[in-house]
C-alpha cells in the first residue's frame, strides 16, 4: 500500500524533467508538501490525442499511399485528486477507499478495468512513506520509513485516472463538481522494499513511459508487463520521525533521517 507521499519539487520543474507541458491553471511553483495524504492534490502526467488540421494530398508519386496521421500526442502535467472516483460513483466518499489499485485485480474489478485500458497516467512524487511493524507479538509501534530514488530523480508511479462529476445534479459535466481523480497501482514488494512492507507502488522507468502512456495501447496483457516490482537499487530508504504519522505535520523536517527506534 502507498498511503502518504512527499511532493516538494515545483510542478514546473517536474514538467521540465518529464518533458511535459503545463496544463493551464496549474501553479508552476507549488505549493510544496512533504506529507501529502489521500484526497489531496498530486501532480499527474497524462498523454492526450490532439487532432491535426487536414493536410493537402501528397503530390509526389512516392508519397502515394502514405497514411497521414490524423492526430498528434501531447504530454502534459496536471493536478488531480488522490483517490479514484469511477464515473458511476454517487458521491466522493468512495475515493478514500481507492487510493491504491492492486495490479492483480486491474482486469477484474469494474472500477479499474476501463481506466487500465483507456486512462493510464503517471503520479509524480519526490518520495513516499511506509510503516514497518518491528514485532507482531507483542504489538509495537510502527516505524515510519521514507523512500526516494537512488538517482535523485522524481518517482513516476503507474497510475489510473478518471474524471467525475455529480450526476445527481447534472447529466452533463458540471464545472462546479468536476473532479479529476487518480489512483496509484501497487504490486508485490521488490528487494528495496520487502524488509519494510510486502507491497510497493509500481514505478515506471523513463524508458517505459512512452509505452505506458500510449493512448493507442489497450491490451491488458501487454500493459501488465510493466506492473512488476522495482529492480534492486532503485530506491533508498531510512527511518524518519513519527511526526509523519499525522498529515497535519508538514515541512522538510518530515523527511530527515533518524535512528531506528528499538521500541
C-alpha atoms as a PDB file:
ATOM      1  CA  UNK A   1       0.000   0.000   0.000  1.00  0.00           C
ATOM      2  CA  UNK A   2       1.060   3.598  -0.596  1.00  0.00           C
ATOM      3  CA  UNK A   3      -0.824   5.958   1.712  1.00  0.00           C
ATOM      4  CA  UNK A   4       1.401   9.012   2.060  1.00  0.00           C
ATOM      5  CA  UNK A   5       3.795  10.794  -0.309  1.00  0.00           C
ATOM      6  CA  UNK A   6       6.251  13.688  -0.439  1.00  0.00           C
ATOM      7  CA  UNK A   7       5.848  16.271  -3.234  1.00  0.00           C
ATOM      8  CA  UNK A   8       8.064  19.312  -2.772  1.00  0.00           C
ATOM      9  CA  UNK A   9       9.576  19.828  -6.251  1.00  0.00           C
ATOM     10  CA  UNK A  10       7.689  22.617  -8.102  1.00  0.00           C
ATOM     11  CA  UNK A  11       5.334  21.416 -10.870  1.00  0.00           C
ATOM     12  CA  UNK A  12       7.259  23.472 -13.431  1.00  0.00           C
ATOM     13  CA  UNK A  13      10.440  21.532 -12.631  1.00  0.00           C
ATOM     14  CA  UNK A  14       8.618  18.191 -12.763  1.00  0.00           C
ATOM     15  CA  UNK A  15       7.132  19.094 -16.145  1.00  0.00           C
ATOM     16  CA  UNK A  16      10.561  20.057 -17.490  1.00  0.00           C
ATOM     17  CA  UNK A  17      12.224  16.876 -16.222  1.00  0.00           C
ATOM     18  CA  UNK A  18       9.497  14.708 -17.755  1.00  0.00           C
ATOM     19  CA  UNK A  19       9.253  16.719 -20.986  1.00  0.00           C
ATOM     20  CA  UNK A  20       5.603  17.635 -20.453  1.00  0.00           C
ATOM     21  CA  UNK A  21       3.623  20.816 -20.976  1.00  0.00           C
ATOM     22  CA  UNK A  22       1.912  22.510 -18.038  1.00  0.00           C
ATOM     23  CA  UNK A  23      -1.876  22.349 -18.070  1.00  0.00           C
ATOM     24  CA  UNK A  24      -3.487  25.780 -17.989  1.00  0.00           C
ATOM     25  CA  UNK A  25      -4.225  26.813 -14.420  1.00  0.00           C
ATOM     26  CA  UNK A  26      -1.555  24.702 -12.696  1.00  0.00           C
ATOM     27  CA  UNK A  27       0.532  26.771 -10.284  1.00  0.00           C
ATOM     28  CA  UNK A  28       4.117  26.376 -11.593  1.00  0.00           C
ATOM     29  CA  UNK A  29       5.618  26.904  -8.129  1.00  0.00           C
ATOM     30  CA  UNK A  30       3.622  24.590  -5.912  1.00  0.00           C
ATOM     31  CA  UNK A  31       2.726  24.718  -3.104  1.00  0.00           C
ATOM     32  CA  UNK A  32       5.141  22.080  -1.751  1.00  0.00           C
ATOM     33  CA  UNK A  33       4.202  19.468   0.837  1.00  0.00           C
ATOM     34  CA  UNK A  34       6.393  16.850   2.462  1.00  0.00           C
ATOM     35  CA  UNK A  35       3.425  14.919   3.918  1.00  0.00           C
ATOM     36  CA  UNK A  36       0.655  14.509   1.335  1.00  0.00           C
ATOM     37  CA  UNK A  37      -2.307  12.386   2.404  1.00  0.00           C
ATOM     38  CA  UNK A  38      -5.087  10.815   0.294  1.00  0.00           C
ATOM     39  CA  UNK A  39      -7.803  13.150  -1.068  1.00  0.00           C
ATOM     40  CA  UNK A  40      -5.214  15.901  -1.555  1.00  0.00           C
ATOM     41  CA  UNK A  41      -3.810  17.129  -4.861  1.00  0.00           C
ATOM     42  CA  UNK A  42      -0.950  15.326  -6.623  1.00  0.00           C
ATOM     43  CA  UNK A  43       0.845  16.052  -9.929  1.00  0.00           C
ATOM     44  CA  UNK A  44      -0.076  13.672 -12.738  1.00  0.00           C
ATOM     45  CA  UNK A  45       1.337  13.149 -16.244  1.00  0.00           C
ATOM     46  CA  UNK A  46      -1.182  12.234 -18.953  1.00  0.00           C
ATOM     47  CA  UNK A  47      -0.926  11.922 -22.711  1.00  0.00           C
ATOM     48  CA  UNK A  48      -3.717  13.227 -24.953  1.00  0.00           C
ATOM     49  CA  UNK A  49      -4.510  12.864 -28.613  1.00  0.00           C
ATOM     50  CA  UNK A  50      -4.647  16.249 -30.333  1.00  0.00           C
ATOM     51  CA  UNK A  51      -6.423  16.432 -33.689  1.00  0.00           C
ATOM     52  CA  UNK A  52      -4.435  17.788 -36.630  1.00  0.00           C
ATOM     53  CA  UNK A  53      -5.843  20.017 -39.330  1.00  0.00           C
ATOM     54  CA  UNK A  54      -6.483  18.378 -42.693  1.00  0.00           C
ATOM     55  CA  UNK A  55      -3.351  18.327 -44.819  1.00  0.00           C
ATOM     56  CA  UNK A  56      -3.194  18.684 -48.616  1.00  0.00           C
ATOM     57  CA  UNK A  57      -2.794  15.391 -50.524  1.00  0.00           C
ATOM     58  CA  UNK A  58       0.740  14.323 -51.374  1.00  0.00           C
ATOM     59  CA  UNK A  59       1.853  15.442 -54.834  1.00  0.00           C
ATOM     60  CA  UNK A  60       4.877  13.228 -55.390  1.00  0.00           C
ATOM     61  CA  UNK A  61       4.374   9.639 -56.620  1.00  0.00           C
ATOM     62  CA  UNK A  62       6.489   8.216 -53.807  1.00  0.00           C
ATOM     63  CA  UNK A  63       4.103   9.805 -51.324  1.00  0.00           C
ATOM     64  CA  UNK A  64       1.065   7.980 -52.658  1.00  0.00           C
ATOM     65  CA  UNK A  65      -0.368   5.527 -50.224  1.00  0.00           C
ATOM     66  CA  UNK A  66       1.292   7.175 -47.214  1.00  0.00           C
ATOM     67  CA  UNK A  67      -1.194   7.431 -44.356  1.00  0.00           C
ATOM     68  CA  UNK A  68      -1.079  10.924 -42.883  1.00  0.00           C
ATOM     69  CA  UNK A  69      -1.714  10.820 -39.116  1.00  0.00           C
ATOM     70  CA  UNK A  70      -4.937  12.462 -38.003  1.00  0.00           C
ATOM     71  CA  UNK A  71      -3.680  13.369 -34.548  1.00  0.00           C
ATOM     72  CA  UNK A  72      -0.589  14.194 -32.558  1.00  0.00           C
ATOM     73  CA  UNK A  73       0.258  13.343 -28.944  1.00  0.00           C
ATOM     74  CA  UNK A  74       0.519  15.916 -26.190  1.00  0.00           C
ATOM     75  CA  UNK A  75       2.087  15.052 -22.848  1.00  0.00           C
ATOM     76  CA  UNK A  76       1.056  17.361 -20.049  1.00  0.00           C
ATOM     77  CA  UNK A  77       1.298  17.762 -16.299  1.00  0.00           C
ATOM     78  CA  UNK A  78      -1.948  18.367 -14.441  1.00  0.00           C
ATOM     79  CA  UNK A  79      -3.144  18.302 -10.837  1.00  0.00           C
ATOM     80  CA  UNK A  80      -5.503  15.502  -9.758  1.00  0.00           C
ATOM     81  CA  UNK A  81      -7.184  14.497  -6.534  1.00  0.00           C
ATOM     82  CA  UNK A  82      -5.655  11.366  -4.993  1.00  0.00           C
ATOM     83  CA  UNK A  83      -8.385   8.724  -4.715  1.00  0.00           C
ATOM     84  CA  UNK A  84     -10.036   7.360  -7.854  1.00  0.00           C
ATOM     85  CA  UNK A  85     -13.725   8.089  -8.389  1.00  0.00           C
ATOM     86  CA  UNK A  86     -15.296   5.820 -11.036  1.00  0.00           C
ATOM     87  CA  UNK A  87     -17.786   7.582 -13.280  1.00  0.00           C
ATOM     88  CA  UNK A  88     -20.641   5.660 -11.639  1.00  0.00           C
ATOM     89  CA  UNK A  89     -19.824   6.817  -8.076  1.00  0.00           C
ATOM     90  CA  UNK A  90     -22.750   8.536  -6.410  1.00  0.00           C
ATOM     91  CA  UNK A  91     -20.564  10.755  -4.228  1.00  0.00           C
ATOM     92  CA  UNK A  92     -16.923  11.454  -3.399  1.00  0.00           C
ATOM     93  CA  UNK A  93     -16.632   9.155  -0.374  1.00  0.00           C
ATOM     94  CA  UNK A  94     -15.600   6.155  -2.449  1.00  0.00           C
ATOM     95  CA  UNK A  95     -12.345   7.901  -3.376  1.00  0.00           C
ATOM     96  CA  UNK A  96     -10.950   7.383   0.139  1.00  0.00           C
ATOM     97  CA  UNK A  97     -11.069   3.610  -0.460  1.00  0.00           C
ATOM     98  CA  UNK A  98      -9.439   3.790  -3.891  1.00  0.00           C
ATOM     99  CA  UNK A  99      -6.098   5.492  -3.333  1.00  0.00           C
ATOM    100  CA  UNK A 100      -4.333   2.287  -4.456  1.00  0.00           C
ATOM    101  CA  UNK A 101      -5.224  -0.292  -7.106  1.00  0.00           C
ATOM    102  CA  UNK A 102      -3.734  -3.783  -6.884  1.00  0.00           C
ATOM    103  CA  UNK A 103      -2.047  -4.806 -10.124  1.00  0.00           C
ATOM    104  CA  UNK A 104      -3.533  -8.288  -9.746  1.00  0.00           C
ATOM    105  CA  UNK A 105      -7.128  -7.018  -9.943  1.00  0.00           C
ATOM    106  CA  UNK A 106      -6.935  -4.337 -12.635  1.00  0.00           C
ATOM    107  CA  UNK A 107      -8.644  -6.508 -15.252  1.00  0.00           C
ATOM    108  CA  UNK A 108     -11.323  -7.946 -12.963  1.00  0.00           C
ATOM    109  CA  UNK A 109     -12.596  -5.016 -10.894  1.00  0.00           C
ATOM    110  CA  UNK A 110     -15.075  -2.793 -12.788  1.00  0.00           C
ATOM    111  CA  UNK A 111     -13.651   0.366 -11.213  1.00  0.00           C
ATOM    112  CA  UNK A 112     -10.229  -0.317 -12.741  1.00  0.00           C
ATOM    113  CA  UNK A 113     -10.715  -2.344 -15.918  1.00  0.00           C
ATOM    114  CA  UNK A 114     -11.716   0.542 -18.198  1.00  0.00           C
ATOM    115  CA  UNK A 115      -9.168   3.069 -16.824  1.00  0.00           C
ATOM    116  CA  UNK A 116      -6.463   0.405 -17.165  1.00  0.00           C
ATOM    117  CA  UNK A 117      -7.187   0.172 -20.874  1.00  0.00           C
ATOM    118  CA  UNK A 118      -8.048   3.808 -21.534  1.00  0.00           C
ATOM    119  CA  UNK A 119      -6.907   6.194 -18.761  1.00  0.00           C
ATOM    120  CA  UNK A 120      -3.375   5.471 -17.612  1.00  0.00           C
ATOM    121  CA  UNK A 121      -1.135   8.122 -16.115  1.00  0.00           C
ATOM    122  CA  UNK A 122       1.954   8.747 -14.017  1.00  0.00           C
ATOM    123  CA  UNK A 123       1.650  10.045 -10.472  1.00  0.00           C
ATOM    124  CA  UNK A 124       4.833  12.026  -9.825  1.00  0.00           C
ATOM    125  CA  UNK A 125       6.328  12.337  -6.337  1.00  0.00           C
ATOM    126  CA  UNK A 126       9.674  13.052  -4.696  1.00  0.00           C
ATOM    127  CA  UNK A 127       9.317  10.181  -2.244  1.00  0.00           C
ATOM    128  CA  UNK A 128       6.855   8.097  -0.282  1.00  0.00           C
ATOM    129  CA  UNK A 129       6.401   6.606   3.185  1.00  0.00           C
ATOM    130  CA  UNK A 130       5.761   3.155   4.534  1.00  0.00           C
ATOM    131  CA  UNK A 131       5.473   1.839   8.069  1.00  0.00           C
ATOM    132  CA  UNK A 132       7.317  -1.217   9.396  1.00  0.00           C
ATOM    133  CA  UNK A 133       5.956  -3.365  12.205  1.00  0.00           C
ATOM    134  CA  UNK A 134       9.079  -4.441  14.128  1.00  0.00           C
ATOM    135  CA  UNK A 135       7.391  -7.188  16.127  1.00  0.00           C
ATOM    136  CA  UNK A 136       3.863  -8.539  15.813  1.00  0.00           C
ATOM    137  CA  UNK A 137       3.836 -10.250  19.228  1.00  0.00           C
ATOM    138  CA  UNK A 138       3.530  -8.229  21.344  1.00  0.00           C
ATOM    139  CA  UNK A 139       2.370  -5.324  19.127  1.00  0.00           C
ATOM    140  CA  UNK A 140       4.807  -2.442  18.961  1.00  0.00           C
ATOM    141  CA  UNK A 141       4.629   0.990  17.424  1.00  0.00           C
ATOM    142  CA  UNK A 142       5.143   1.057  13.678  1.00  0.00           C
ATOM    143  CA  UNK A 143       8.349   2.650  12.434  1.00  0.00           C
ATOM    144  CA  UNK A 144       7.920   5.083   9.520  1.00  0.00           C
ATOM    145  CA  UNK A 145      10.384   4.868   6.626  1.00  0.00           C
ATOM    146  CA  UNK A 146      10.993   7.312   3.801  1.00  0.00           C
ATOM    147  CA  UNK A 147      11.760   6.040   0.285  1.00  0.00           C
ATOM    148  CA  UNK A 148      13.228   8.028  -2.611  1.00  0.00           C
ATOM    149  CA  UNK A 149      15.033   7.206  -5.846  1.00  0.00           C
ATOM    150  CA  UNK A 150      18.719   6.435  -5.517  1.00  0.00           C
ATOM    151  CA  UNK A 151      19.487   8.624  -8.569  1.00  0.00           C
ATOM    152  CA  UNK A 152      17.721  11.651  -7.072  1.00  0.00           C
ATOM    153  CA  UNK A 153      15.096  11.840  -9.839  1.00  0.00           C
ATOM    154  CA  UNK A 154      11.332  12.134  -9.223  1.00  0.00           C
ATOM    155  CA  UNK A 155       9.468   8.847  -8.813  1.00  0.00           C
ATOM    156  CA  UNK A 156       6.926   8.135 -11.555  1.00  0.00           C
ATOM    157  CA  UNK A 157       4.271   5.780 -10.221  1.00  0.00           C
ATOM    158  CA  UNK A 158       1.982   3.851 -12.554  1.00  0.00           C
ATOM    159  CA  UNK A 159      -1.476   5.335 -12.114  1.00  0.00           C
ATOM    160  CA  UNK A 160      -5.027   5.383 -13.435  1.00  0.00           C
ATOM    161  CA  UNK A 161      -7.234   8.441 -13.749  1.00  0.00           C
ATOM    162  CA  UNK A 162     -10.909   9.283 -14.133  1.00  0.00           C
ATOM    163  CA  UNK A 163     -12.965  12.469 -14.395  1.00  0.00           C
ATOM    164  CA  UNK A 164     -16.055  12.538 -12.190  1.00  0.00           C
ATOM    165  CA  UNK A 165     -18.995  14.864 -11.681  1.00  0.00           C
ATOM    166  CA  UNK A 166     -22.128  14.703  -9.576  1.00  0.00           C
ATOM    167  CA  UNK A 167     -24.660  13.111 -11.913  1.00  0.00           C
ATOM    168  CA  UNK A 168     -27.453  13.594  -9.406  1.00  0.00           C
ATOM    169  CA  UNK A 169     -27.161  17.306 -10.135  1.00  0.00           C
ATOM    170  CA  UNK A 170     -26.450  17.213 -13.853  1.00  0.00           C
ATOM    171  CA  UNK A 171     -26.447  14.626 -16.653  1.00  0.00           C
ATOM    172  CA  UNK A 172     -23.697  16.602 -18.379  1.00  0.00           C
ATOM    173  CA  UNK A 173     -20.285  17.508 -16.900  1.00  0.00           C
ATOM    174  CA  UNK A 174     -20.803  20.207 -14.311  1.00  0.00           C
ATOM    175  CA  UNK A 175     -17.820  22.568 -13.886  1.00  0.00           C
ATOM    176  CA  UNK A 176     -18.836  23.125 -10.267  1.00  0.00           C
ATOM    177  CA  UNK A 177     -18.465  19.447  -9.339  1.00  0.00           C
ATOM    178  CA  UNK A 178     -15.955  18.241 -11.926  1.00  0.00           C
ATOM    179  CA  UNK A 179     -13.141  16.289 -10.270  1.00  0.00           C
ATOM    180  CA  UNK A 180     -10.022  14.849 -11.873  1.00  0.00           C
ATOM    181  CA  UNK A 181      -9.046  11.861  -9.743  1.00  0.00           C
ATOM    182  CA  UNK A 182      -6.314   9.220  -9.734  1.00  0.00           C
ATOM    183  CA  UNK A 183      -5.037   6.090  -8.021  1.00  0.00           C
ATOM    184  CA  UNK A 184      -1.582   4.531  -7.638  1.00  0.00           C
ATOM    185  CA  UNK A 185      -1.056   0.936  -8.786  1.00  0.00           C
ATOM    186  CA  UNK A 186       0.706  -1.406  -6.340  1.00  0.00           C
ATOM    187  CA  UNK A 187       2.408  -4.787  -6.700  1.00  0.00           C
ATOM    188  CA  UNK A 188       4.500  -7.192  -4.620  1.00  0.00           C
ATOM    189  CA  UNK A 189       7.420  -5.633  -2.777  1.00  0.00           C
ATOM    190  CA  UNK A 190      10.784  -5.571  -4.506  1.00  0.00           C
ATOM    191  CA  UNK A 191      14.187  -6.063  -2.852  1.00  0.00           C
ATOM    192  CA  UNK A 192      14.408  -2.408  -1.728  1.00  0.00           C
ATOM    193  CA  UNK A 193      11.004  -2.618  -0.030  1.00  0.00           C
ATOM    194  CA  UNK A 194      10.481  -6.124   1.295  1.00  0.00           C
ATOM    195  CA  UNK A 195      12.107  -5.530   4.701  1.00  0.00           C
ATOM    196  CA  UNK A 196       9.525  -2.835   5.477  1.00  0.00           C
ATOM    197  CA  UNK A 197       6.324  -3.926   3.699  1.00  0.00           C
ATOM    198  CA  UNK A 198       5.049  -6.717   1.471  1.00  0.00           C
ATOM    199  CA  UNK A 199       3.745  -4.383  -1.247  1.00  0.00           C
ATOM    200  CA  UNK A 200       5.012  -1.327  -3.102  1.00  0.00           C
ATOM    201  CA  UNK A 201       3.882   1.162  -5.758  1.00  0.00           C
ATOM    202  CA  UNK A 202       4.662   0.261  -9.365  1.00  0.00           C
ATOM    203  CA  UNK A 203       7.439   2.510 -10.698  1.00  0.00           C
ATOM    204  CA  UNK A 204       7.510   3.222 -14.433  1.00  0.00           C
ATOM    205  CA  UNK A 205      11.091   3.765 -15.554  1.00  0.00           C
ATOM    206  CA  UNK A 206      11.986   6.535 -18.005  1.00  0.00           C
ATOM    207  CA  UNK A 207      12.467   4.146 -20.951  1.00  0.00           C
ATOM    208  CA  UNK A 208       8.953   2.722 -20.442  1.00  0.00           C
ATOM    209  CA  UNK A 209       6.993   5.963 -20.072  1.00  0.00           C
ATOM    210  CA  UNK A 210       6.081   6.277 -23.756  1.00  0.00           C
ATOM    211  CA  UNK A 211       4.696   2.757 -23.883  1.00  0.00           C
ATOM    212  CA  UNK A 212       2.783   3.081 -20.598  1.00  0.00           C
ATOM    213  CA  UNK A 213       1.105   6.353 -21.586  1.00  0.00           C
ATOM    214  CA  UNK A 214       0.468   5.365 -25.224  1.00  0.00           C
ATOM    215  CA  UNK A 215      -3.257   6.133 -25.806  1.00  0.00           C
ATOM    216  CA  UNK A 216      -3.351   3.572 -28.634  1.00  0.00           C
ATOM    217  CA  UNK A 217      -2.317   0.725 -26.334  1.00  0.00           C
ATOM    218  CA  UNK A 218      -5.361  -1.096 -24.928  1.00  0.00           C
ATOM    219  CA  UNK A 219      -4.026  -4.636 -24.469  1.00  0.00           C
ATOM    220  CA  UNK A 220      -4.128  -5.613 -20.754  1.00  0.00           C
ATOM    221  CA  UNK A 221      -1.618  -8.415 -21.303  1.00  0.00           C
ATOM    222  CA  UNK A 222       0.963  -6.068 -22.823  1.00  0.00           C
ATOM    223  CA  UNK A 223       0.337  -3.408 -20.183  1.00  0.00           C
ATOM    224  CA  UNK A 224       0.635  -5.915 -17.341  1.00  0.00           C
ATOM    225  CA  UNK A 225       4.289  -6.434 -18.239  1.00  0.00           C
ATOM    226  CA  UNK A 226       5.053  -3.064 -16.641  1.00  0.00           C
ATOM    227  CA  UNK A 227       3.398  -3.957 -13.322  1.00  0.00           C
ATOM    228  CA  UNK A 228       6.415  -5.519 -11.609  1.00  0.00           C
ATOM    229  CA  UNK A 229       8.466  -4.666  -8.507  1.00  0.00           C
ATOM    230  CA  UNK A 230      11.260  -2.145  -8.920  1.00  0.00           C
ATOM    231  CA  UNK A 231      14.738  -3.537  -9.502  1.00  0.00           C
ATOM    232  CA  UNK A 232      17.206  -3.703  -6.630  1.00  0.00           C
ATOM    233  CA  UNK A 233      18.957  -0.399  -6.062  1.00  0.00           C
ATOM    234  CA  UNK A 234      16.141   1.744  -7.484  1.00  0.00           C
ATOM    235  CA  UNK A 235      15.169   3.104  -4.066  1.00  0.00           C
ATOM    236  CA  UNK A 236      16.924   4.302  -0.914  1.00  0.00           C
ATOM    237  CA  UNK A 237      15.176   4.080   2.452  1.00  0.00           C
ATOM    238  CA  UNK A 238      15.743   5.287   6.005  1.00  0.00           C
ATOM    239  CA  UNK A 239      13.773   5.646   9.225  1.00  0.00           C
ATOM    240  CA  UNK A 240      12.161   9.015   9.984  1.00  0.00           C
ATOM    241  CA  UNK A 241      10.347  10.643  12.883  1.00  0.00           C
ATOM    242  CA  UNK A 242       6.844   9.524  13.850  1.00  0.00           C
ATOM    243  CA  UNK A 243       5.859  13.140  13.250  1.00  0.00           C
ATOM    244  CA  UNK A 244       4.863  11.938   9.778  1.00  0.00           C
ATOM    245  CA  UNK A 245       2.023   9.901  11.309  1.00  0.00           C
ATOM    246  CA  UNK A 246      -0.182  12.983  11.345  1.00  0.00           C
ATOM    247  CA  UNK A 247      -0.796  14.688   7.982  1.00  0.00           C
ATOM    248  CA  UNK A 248      -1.204  17.933   9.901  1.00  0.00           C
ATOM    249  CA  UNK A 249       2.574  17.934  10.357  1.00  0.00           C
ATOM    250  CA  UNK A 250       4.444  19.214   7.331  1.00  0.00           C
ATOM    251  CA  UNK A 251       7.790  20.657   6.322  1.00  0.00           C
ATOM    252  CA  UNK A 252      11.213  19.420   5.217  1.00  0.00           C
ATOM    253  CA  UNK A 253      11.935  18.077   8.713  1.00  0.00           C
ATOM    254  CA  UNK A 254       9.448  15.286   7.961  1.00  0.00           C
ATOM    255  CA  UNK A 255      11.952  13.500   5.697  1.00  0.00           C
ATOM    256  CA  UNK A 256      15.021  13.957   7.898  1.00  0.00           C
ATOM    257  CA  UNK A 257      16.598  10.599   8.873  1.00  0.00           C
ATOM    258  CA  UNK A 258      16.575   9.424  12.477  1.00  0.00           C
ATOM    259  CA  UNK A 259      17.995   6.418  14.300  1.00  0.00           C
ATOM    260  CA  UNK A 260      15.590   3.493  14.023  1.00  0.00           C
ATOM    261  CA  UNK A 261      13.867   3.222  17.423  1.00  0.00           C
ATOM    262  CA  UNK A 262      14.042  -0.051  19.308  1.00  0.00           C
ATOM    263  CA  UNK A 263      10.584   0.181  20.911  1.00  0.00           C
END
